[in-house]
Amino acid sequence: MTRAIFGTRIIAAPMAGGTSTPRFVQAVHRAGGLGFLAAGYKTVEAMEADIREVRSAGARFGMNLFVPDPDQLNPPAALREQLEDYRRSLEPDARRYGAEIPALRFDDDDAWQAKVDALLADPVEIVSFTFGLPEQAQVRAFKRAGTTVIATITTTAEAMLAVERGADVLAVQHGSAGGHSAAFLAAGNPAGFRAPLTTAELLAAVRTVVGVPLVAAGGIMDSAGLDSVLDAGAAAAQLGTAFLRSDESSARTLHKDALASERFTETRLTRAFTGRQARALVNSFVKDHEDAPEGYPAVHHLTAPIRAAAAAAGDPERLNLWAGTGYRQAQAAPVAEIMAGLSAF
């Protein structure tokens, strides 16, 4: 089923924040892969403009949506207090660049319903969801519109719930993946539980509890990594970090350079930048804010002026340098060359 849907074993992950542009998605298509546009952080109008541009070029694509968390949009008083404390702790970072920290806001659901409505009114071929699951009625509506629904999951429990909601395909994201974790259920690990060490191991575990096609995501950087997840039962692999330094990637030059710099030697899961666990290169900001509270997207808005000012100043130490654990293998090359190196065809 999945090969029939995707027609490829290589999917370029949706990288929100400006990396997965129409130009990038078109380059992935021309090289024989499938690219995903990212609706996260964009207006409905910007999302629709991206769709029109890629369609006009004749490229196949998917669209990714962030699912809002009602609990994060209406946090309890204790968490609000923690977030206010965190806001104050950011003031020295802001002063460094002459930036100002905004007031806390809890009203940003990333235009969720408006984006859902737009994609139902003008359906695209594939829609994937991260940070949670759409309601079952919404999944049914997408499927009636002819859209294939992909849910991003990180555990077997999330996998079972996603299939119960009606997802056609699961994107199985391992903790080695760069950027935000898609996890949406609290960990409930029994005594003696050992987390899957590799993407292939997590994929194999998910295969034991669901029967839908699986896409593997996390730490896949070369043909060996691709083969390992295919051998474990994946019908396709989703890669993000592997494409970050590509010529067509719209990631900041600072970000691309950091991935190849000896200055940064490890990655870590951190809430420092957005209030949601995300894997990034360990820089000064990550080290200084190890106690960042949970609170997405409230923290994202608090740190946005700092990140923008750091980028303008050419300072990678306070920039969110998303990176998977295999970041050292990321190549500065055209998408087509990276795809060819993966021996995908």
Protein backbone atom coordinates (compact mmCIF):
# COMPACT_ATOMS: atom_id res chain seq x y z
CA MET A 1 0.00 0.00 0.00
CA THR A 2 2.67 2.50 1.02
CA ARG A 3 4.80 2.04 -2.09
CA ALA A 4 1.67 2.60 -4.16
CA ILE A 5 1.00 5.81 -2.24
CA PHE A 6 4.52 7.21 -2.17
CA GLY A 7 6.16 5.59 -5.19
CA THR A 8 9.52 5.92 -3.44
CA ARG A 9 11.44 4.75 -0.42
CA ILE A 10 12.69 8.26 0.39
CA ILE A 11 10.53 10.93 1.97
CA ALA A 12 11.90 14.36 2.87
CA ALA A 13 10.55 15.22 6.29
CA PRO A 14 8.46 18.35 6.75
CA MET A 15 10.78 20.89 8.38
CA ALA A 16 8.75 23.83 9.62
CA GLY A 17 10.18 27.27 10.15
CA GLY A 18 11.23 27.90 6.56
CA THR A 19 13.34 24.88 5.56
CA SER A 20 10.78 22.87 3.59
CA THR A 21 9.98 25.43 0.91
CA PRO A 22 8.27 24.75 -2.42
CA ARG A 23 11.69 24.91 -4.11
CA PHE A 24 13.03 22.22 -1.78
CA VAL A 25 9.98 19.99 -2.25
CA GLN A 26 10.24 20.31 -6.02
CA ALA A 27 13.91 19.33 -5.89
CA VAL A 28 13.05 16.20 -3.89
CA HIS A 29 10.37 15.32 -6.43
CA ARG A 30 12.73 15.75 -9.38
CA ALA A 31 15.25 13.48 -7.65
CA GLY A 32 12.66 10.71 -7.27
CA GLY A 33 11.58 11.26 -3.68
CA LEU A 34 8.52 12.71 -2.01
CA GLY A 35 8.75 16.03 -0.19
CA PHE A 36 6.43 17.44 2.45
CA LEU A 37 5.43 21.05 2.84
CA ALA A 38 5.14 22.25 6.43
CA ALA A 39 2.14 24.32 7.49
CA GLY A 40 3.54 24.91 10.98
CA TYR A 41 4.09 28.59 11.92
CA LYS A 42 2.41 29.71 8.68
CA THR A 43 -0.86 31.45 7.98
CA VAL A 44 -3.55 29.63 6.03
CA GLU A 45 -2.85 31.95 3.11
CA ALA A 46 0.87 31.11 3.13
CA MET A 47 0.08 27.40 3.28
CA GLU A 48 -2.24 27.70 0.31
CA ALA A 49 0.34 29.71 -1.64
CA ASP A 50 2.92 26.95 -1.10
CA ILE A 51 0.44 24.37 -2.37
CA ARG A 52 -0.31 26.39 -5.49
CA GLU A 53 3.39 26.84 -6.25
CA VAL A 54 4.24 23.15 -5.96
CA ARG A 55 1.16 22.09 -7.89
CA SER A 56 1.99 24.50 -10.70
CA ALA A 57 5.39 22.82 -11.01
CA GLY A 58 3.75 19.40 -11.34
CA ALA A 59 5.45 17.97 -8.24
CA ARG A 60 3.91 15.42 -5.89
CA PHE A 61 3.93 16.46 -2.26
CA GLY A 62 2.43 15.99 1.16
CA MET A 63 1.36 18.60 3.73
CA ASN A 64 2.14 18.46 7.44
CA LEU A 65 0.03 20.03 10.19
CA PHE A 66 0.77 20.67 13.86
CA VAL A 67 -1.99 19.34 16.13
CA PRO A 68 -2.61 21.76 19.03
CA ASP A 69 -2.57 20.53 22.61
CA PRO A 70 -5.54 21.96 24.56
CA ASP A 71 -3.68 21.46 27.84
CA GLN A 72 -0.80 23.63 26.65
CA LEU A 73 -3.18 26.33 25.44
CA ASN A 74 -4.86 26.46 28.84
CA PRO A 75 -2.16 25.54 31.37
CA PRO A 76 -2.84 25.34 35.10
CA ALA A 77 -1.75 28.14 37.40
CA ALA A 78 1.37 26.31 38.59
CA LEU A 79 2.66 25.92 35.04
CA ARG A 80 1.85 29.53 34.21
CA GLU A 81 4.00 30.54 37.16
CA GLN A 82 6.87 28.36 35.89
CA LEU A 83 6.55 29.95 32.48
CA GLU A 84 6.65 33.43 33.99
CA ASP A 85 9.82 32.43 35.85
CA TYR A 86 11.30 31.18 32.60
CA ARG A 87 10.37 34.42 30.88
CA ARG A 88 12.34 36.35 33.49
CA SER A 89 15.30 33.98 33.13
CA LEU A 90 15.49 34.89 29.42
CA GLU A 91 16.05 38.60 30.05
CA PRO A 92 19.90 38.39 30.07
CA ASP A 93 19.78 36.63 26.69
CA ALA A 94 17.51 39.34 25.32
CA ARG A 95 19.69 42.17 26.67
CA ARG A 96 22.68 40.69 24.88
CA TYR A 97 21.06 41.68 21.56
CA GLY A 98 18.86 44.57 22.66
CA ALA A 99 15.77 42.43 22.14
CA GLU A 100 12.57 42.39 24.20
CA ILE A 101 10.79 39.36 25.61
CA PRO A 102 7.04 39.47 24.87
CA ALA A 103 4.31 38.75 27.37
CA LEU A 104 3.18 35.16 27.66
CA ARG A 105 0.47 34.13 25.24
CA PHE A 106 -1.70 31.03 25.20
CA ASP A 107 -3.91 31.74 22.20
CA ASP A 108 -1.86 30.26 19.35
CA ASP A 109 -3.28 27.01 18.01
CA ASP A 110 -1.46 27.49 14.68
CA ALA A 111 -4.78 28.26 12.95
CA TRP A 112 -5.59 24.56 13.29
CA GLN A 113 -9.26 24.53 12.32
CA ALA A 114 -8.80 27.01 9.49
CA LYS A 115 -6.01 24.87 8.01
CA VAL A 116 -8.09 21.71 8.34
CA ASP A 117 -11.01 23.45 6.65
CA ALA A 118 -8.80 24.71 3.82
CA LEU A 119 -7.35 21.26 3.16
CA LEU A 120 -10.80 19.69 3.15
CA ALA A 121 -12.11 22.33 0.76
CA ASP A 122 -9.14 21.88 -1.58
CA PRO A 123 -7.74 18.42 -0.77
CA VAL A 124 -4.13 17.42 -1.21
CA GLU A 125 -2.94 13.88 -1.82
CA ILE A 126 -1.34 13.24 1.59
CA VAL A 127 -1.59 14.97 4.96
CA SER A 128 0.56 14.09 7.95
CA PHE A 129 0.02 15.17 11.54
CA THR A 130 2.47 15.71 14.36
CA PHE A 131 2.28 16.66 18.08
CA GLY A 132 -0.99 14.74 18.38
CA LEU A 133 -3.90 13.23 16.50
CA PRO A 134 -6.88 14.82 14.77
CA GLU A 135 -10.28 13.73 15.96
CA GLN A 136 -11.74 10.61 14.38
CA ALA A 137 -14.37 12.68 12.56
CA GLN A 138 -11.64 14.82 11.03
CA VAL A 139 -9.70 11.75 9.92
CA ARG A 140 -12.84 10.42 8.27
CA ALA A 141 -13.42 13.75 6.55
CA PHE A 142 -9.91 13.75 5.09
CA LYS A 143 -10.31 10.19 3.87
CA ARG A 144 -13.67 10.98 2.28
CA ALA A 145 -11.93 13.85 0.48
CA GLY A 146 -9.45 11.34 -0.97
CA THR A 147 -6.52 12.34 1.27
CA THR A 148 -4.20 9.72 2.74
CA VAL A 149 -3.75 10.34 6.48
CA ILE A 150 -0.38 9.82 8.17
CA ALA A 151 -0.03 10.06 11.95
CA THR A 152 3.39 10.62 13.51
CA ILE A 153 3.96 8.45 16.58
CA THR A 154 6.84 7.64 18.93
CA THR A 155 5.58 4.64 20.95
CA THR A 156 3.47 1.54 20.55
CA ALA A 157 0.73 3.13 22.67
CA GLU A 158 0.57 6.12 20.36
CA ALA A 159 0.59 3.79 17.35
CA MET A 160 -2.45 1.88 18.58
CA LEU A 161 -4.38 5.07 19.30
CA ALA A 162 -3.52 6.48 15.86
CA VAL A 163 -4.81 3.36 14.12
CA GLU A 164 -7.93 3.48 16.28
CA ARG A 165 -8.51 7.03 15.02
CA GLY A 166 -8.26 5.77 11.45
CA ALA A 167 -4.75 6.71 10.28
CA ASP A 168 -3.79 5.03 7.00
CA VAL A 169 -0.02 5.12 7.62
CA LEU A 170 2.18 5.75 10.66
CA ALA A 171 5.40 7.74 10.63
CA VAL A 172 7.41 6.05 13.38
CA GLN A 173 9.73 8.66 14.89
CA HIS A 174 12.67 7.51 17.01
CA GLY A 175 14.31 9.75 19.60
CA SER A 176 17.40 10.12 17.39
CA ALA A 177 15.44 12.37 15.03
CA GLY A 178 16.33 16.04 14.83
CA GLY A 179 13.90 18.79 15.71
CA HIS A 180 10.70 18.37 17.68
CA SER A 181 9.62 15.08 19.13
CA ALA A 182 6.15 14.11 17.94
CA ALA A 183 5.33 12.43 21.28
CA PHE A 184 1.83 13.19 22.53
CA LEU A 185 1.14 10.58 25.22
CA ALA A 186 2.83 10.69 28.59
CA ALA A 187 5.39 7.92 29.01
CA GLY A 188 4.04 5.04 31.03
CA ASN A 189 6.90 2.59 30.98
CA PRO A 190 6.62 -0.48 33.21
CA ALA A 191 9.45 -1.62 35.42
CA GLY A 192 12.23 -3.15 33.38
CA PHE A 193 11.15 -1.36 30.21
CA ARG A 194 14.01 -0.60 27.81
CA ALA A 195 13.46 2.08 25.22
CA PRO A 196 14.23 1.00 21.65
CA LEU A 197 17.86 1.78 20.93
CA THR A 198 17.46 2.32 17.20
CA THR A 199 14.84 3.41 14.70
CA ALA A 200 14.73 -0.13 13.29
CA GLU A 201 14.10 -1.55 16.76
CA LEU A 202 11.25 0.89 17.42
CA LEU A 203 9.78 0.09 14.03
CA ALA A 204 9.87 -3.64 14.77
CA ALA A 205 8.09 -3.03 18.09
CA VAL A 206 5.36 -0.99 16.41
CA ARG A 207 4.89 -3.69 13.77
CA THR A 208 3.89 -6.12 16.51
CA VAL A 209 0.87 -4.03 17.55
CA VAL A 210 -0.50 -2.50 14.32
CA GLY A 211 -1.03 -3.70 10.77
CA VAL A 212 -0.89 -0.45 8.80
CA PRO A 213 2.14 0.54 6.67
CA LEU A 214 4.99 2.23 8.51
CA VAL A 215 7.43 4.99 7.60
CA ALA A 216 10.66 5.09 9.62
CA ALA A 217 12.06 8.39 10.89
CA GLY A 218 15.11 9.16 13.01
CA GLY A 219 18.86 9.00 12.45
CA ILE A 220 18.69 7.75 8.85
CA MET A 221 21.58 9.38 7.00
CA ASP A 222 22.97 6.88 4.50
CA SER A 223 22.22 3.73 2.53
CA ALA A 224 23.08 1.51 5.50
CA GLY A 225 20.56 3.32 7.68
CA LEU A 226 17.98 3.11 4.90
CA ASP A 227 18.53 -0.62 4.47
CA SER A 228 18.24 -1.23 8.22
CA VAL A 229 14.76 0.25 8.48
CA LEU A 230 13.57 -1.35 5.25
CA ASP A 231 14.76 -4.71 6.55
CA ALA A 232 12.82 -4.04 9.75
CA GLY A 233 9.63 -3.62 7.77
CA ALA A 234 9.44 0.04 6.81
CA ALA A 235 7.91 0.73 3.43
CA ALA A 236 9.72 4.08 3.28
CA ALA A 237 12.12 6.22 5.27
CA GLN A 238 11.62 9.84 6.25
CA LEU A 239 14.81 11.93 6.41
CA GLY A 240 15.25 15.48 7.64
CA THR A 241 18.76 16.17 8.92
CA ALA A 242 20.24 14.42 5.88
CA PHE A 243 18.79 17.20 3.70
CA LEU A 244 19.39 20.20 5.96
CA ARG A 245 22.67 21.23 4.30
CA SER A 246 21.43 20.58 0.76
CA ASP A 247 21.70 23.38 -1.79
CA GLU A 248 17.91 23.63 -2.00
CA SER A 249 17.30 23.62 1.76
CA SER A 250 16.24 27.02 3.06
CA ALA A 251 17.73 26.44 6.50
CA ARG A 252 19.80 29.39 7.69
CA THR A 253 23.43 29.42 6.59
CA LEU A 254 24.34 29.62 10.31
CA HIS A 255 22.46 26.37 10.87
CA LYS A 256 24.04 24.63 7.89
CA ASP A 257 27.52 25.73 8.93
CA ALA A 258 26.97 24.62 12.54
CA LEU A 259 26.21 21.08 11.41
CA ALA A 260 29.70 20.86 9.92
CA SER A 261 31.50 22.86 12.61
CA GLU A 262 33.90 21.34 15.13
CA ARG A 263 32.49 23.88 17.57
CA PHE A 264 29.47 21.66 18.21
CA THR A 265 30.08 18.10 19.28
CA GLU A 266 26.76 16.63 20.42
CA THR A 267 22.99 16.84 20.27
CA ARG A 268 20.51 16.86 23.10
CA LEU A 269 16.77 16.86 23.64
CA THR A 270 15.83 20.27 25.02
CA ARG A 271 12.75 22.35 25.80
CA ALA A 272 14.78 25.55 25.96
CA PHE A 273 13.68 27.03 22.63
CA THR A 274 10.01 26.09 22.33
CA GLY A 275 8.79 24.40 25.50
CA ARG A 276 8.58 21.10 23.65
CA GLN A 277 11.29 18.44 23.56
CA ALA A 278 13.39 18.85 20.43
CA ARG A 279 16.80 17.51 19.48
CA ALA A 280 19.36 20.22 18.77
CA LEU A 281 23.09 20.81 18.70
CA VAL A 282 24.23 21.67 22.21
CA ASN A 283 25.08 25.36 22.29
CA SER A 284 25.19 27.93 25.09
CA PHE A 285 21.44 28.48 25.13
CA VAL A 286 20.75 24.76 25.57
CA LYS A 287 23.28 24.57 28.43
CA ASP A 288 22.01 27.72 30.13
CA HIS A 289 18.36 26.65 30.11
CA GLU A 290 18.37 22.97 30.99
CA ASP A 291 15.43 23.54 33.34
CA ALA A 292 13.11 25.01 30.70
CA PRO A 293 9.48 24.15 31.48
CA GLU A 294 7.04 22.37 29.24
CA GLY A 295 4.84 24.86 27.43
CA TYR A 296 4.46 24.82 23.66
CA PRO A 297 4.01 27.17 21.88
CA ALA A 298 4.22 29.66 24.75
CA VAL A 299 7.99 29.22 25.11
CA HIS A 300 8.40 29.35 21.32
CA HIS A 301 6.96 32.88 21.38
CA LEU A 302 9.11 33.92 24.35
CA THR A 303 12.37 32.92 22.67
CA ALA A 304 11.47 34.04 19.14
CA PRO A 305 12.99 37.55 19.51
CA ILE A 306 16.21 36.08 20.93
CA ARG A 307 16.52 33.56 18.11
CA ALA A 308 15.83 36.21 15.48
CA ALA A 309 18.37 38.58 17.00
CA ALA A 310 20.99 35.84 17.32
CA ALA A 311 20.50 34.95 13.65
CA ALA A 312 20.84 38.61 12.65
CA ALA A 313 24.04 38.87 14.72
CA GLY A 314 25.49 35.70 13.21
CA ASP A 315 25.59 34.05 16.64
CA PRO A 316 24.80 30.30 16.61
CA GLU A 317 25.04 30.05 20.40
CA ARG A 318 21.45 31.16 20.93
CA LEU A 319 19.89 29.74 17.82
CA ASN A 320 17.78 26.58 17.66
CA LEU A 321 20.14 24.34 15.70
CA TRP A 322 17.89 21.33 15.16
CA ALA A 323 19.87 18.19 14.35
CA GLY A 324 19.46 14.44 14.52
CA THR A 325 22.15 12.27 16.05
CA GLY A 326 23.69 11.53 12.63
CA TYR A 327 24.19 15.22 11.80
CA ARG A 328 27.91 14.79 11.03
CA GLN A 329 26.94 12.90 7.88
CA ALA A 330 24.82 15.72 6.49
CA GLN A 331 26.21 16.74 3.12
CA ALA A 332 26.49 20.15 1.49
CA ALA A 333 25.31 19.05 -1.95
CA PRO A 334 22.31 19.22 -4.28
CA VAL A 335 19.29 17.18 -3.23
CA ALA A 336 19.73 14.97 -6.29
CA GLU A 337 23.26 14.03 -5.23
CA ILE A 338 22.16 13.24 -1.68
CA MET A 339 19.32 11.10 -3.00
CA ALA A 340 21.68 9.23 -5.35
CA GLY A 341 24.01 8.49 -2.44
CA LEU A 342 21.19 6.85 -0.54
CA SER A 343 20.88 4.26 -3.34
CA ALA A 344 17.15 4.68 -3.19
CA PHE A 345 16.35 3.42 -6.65
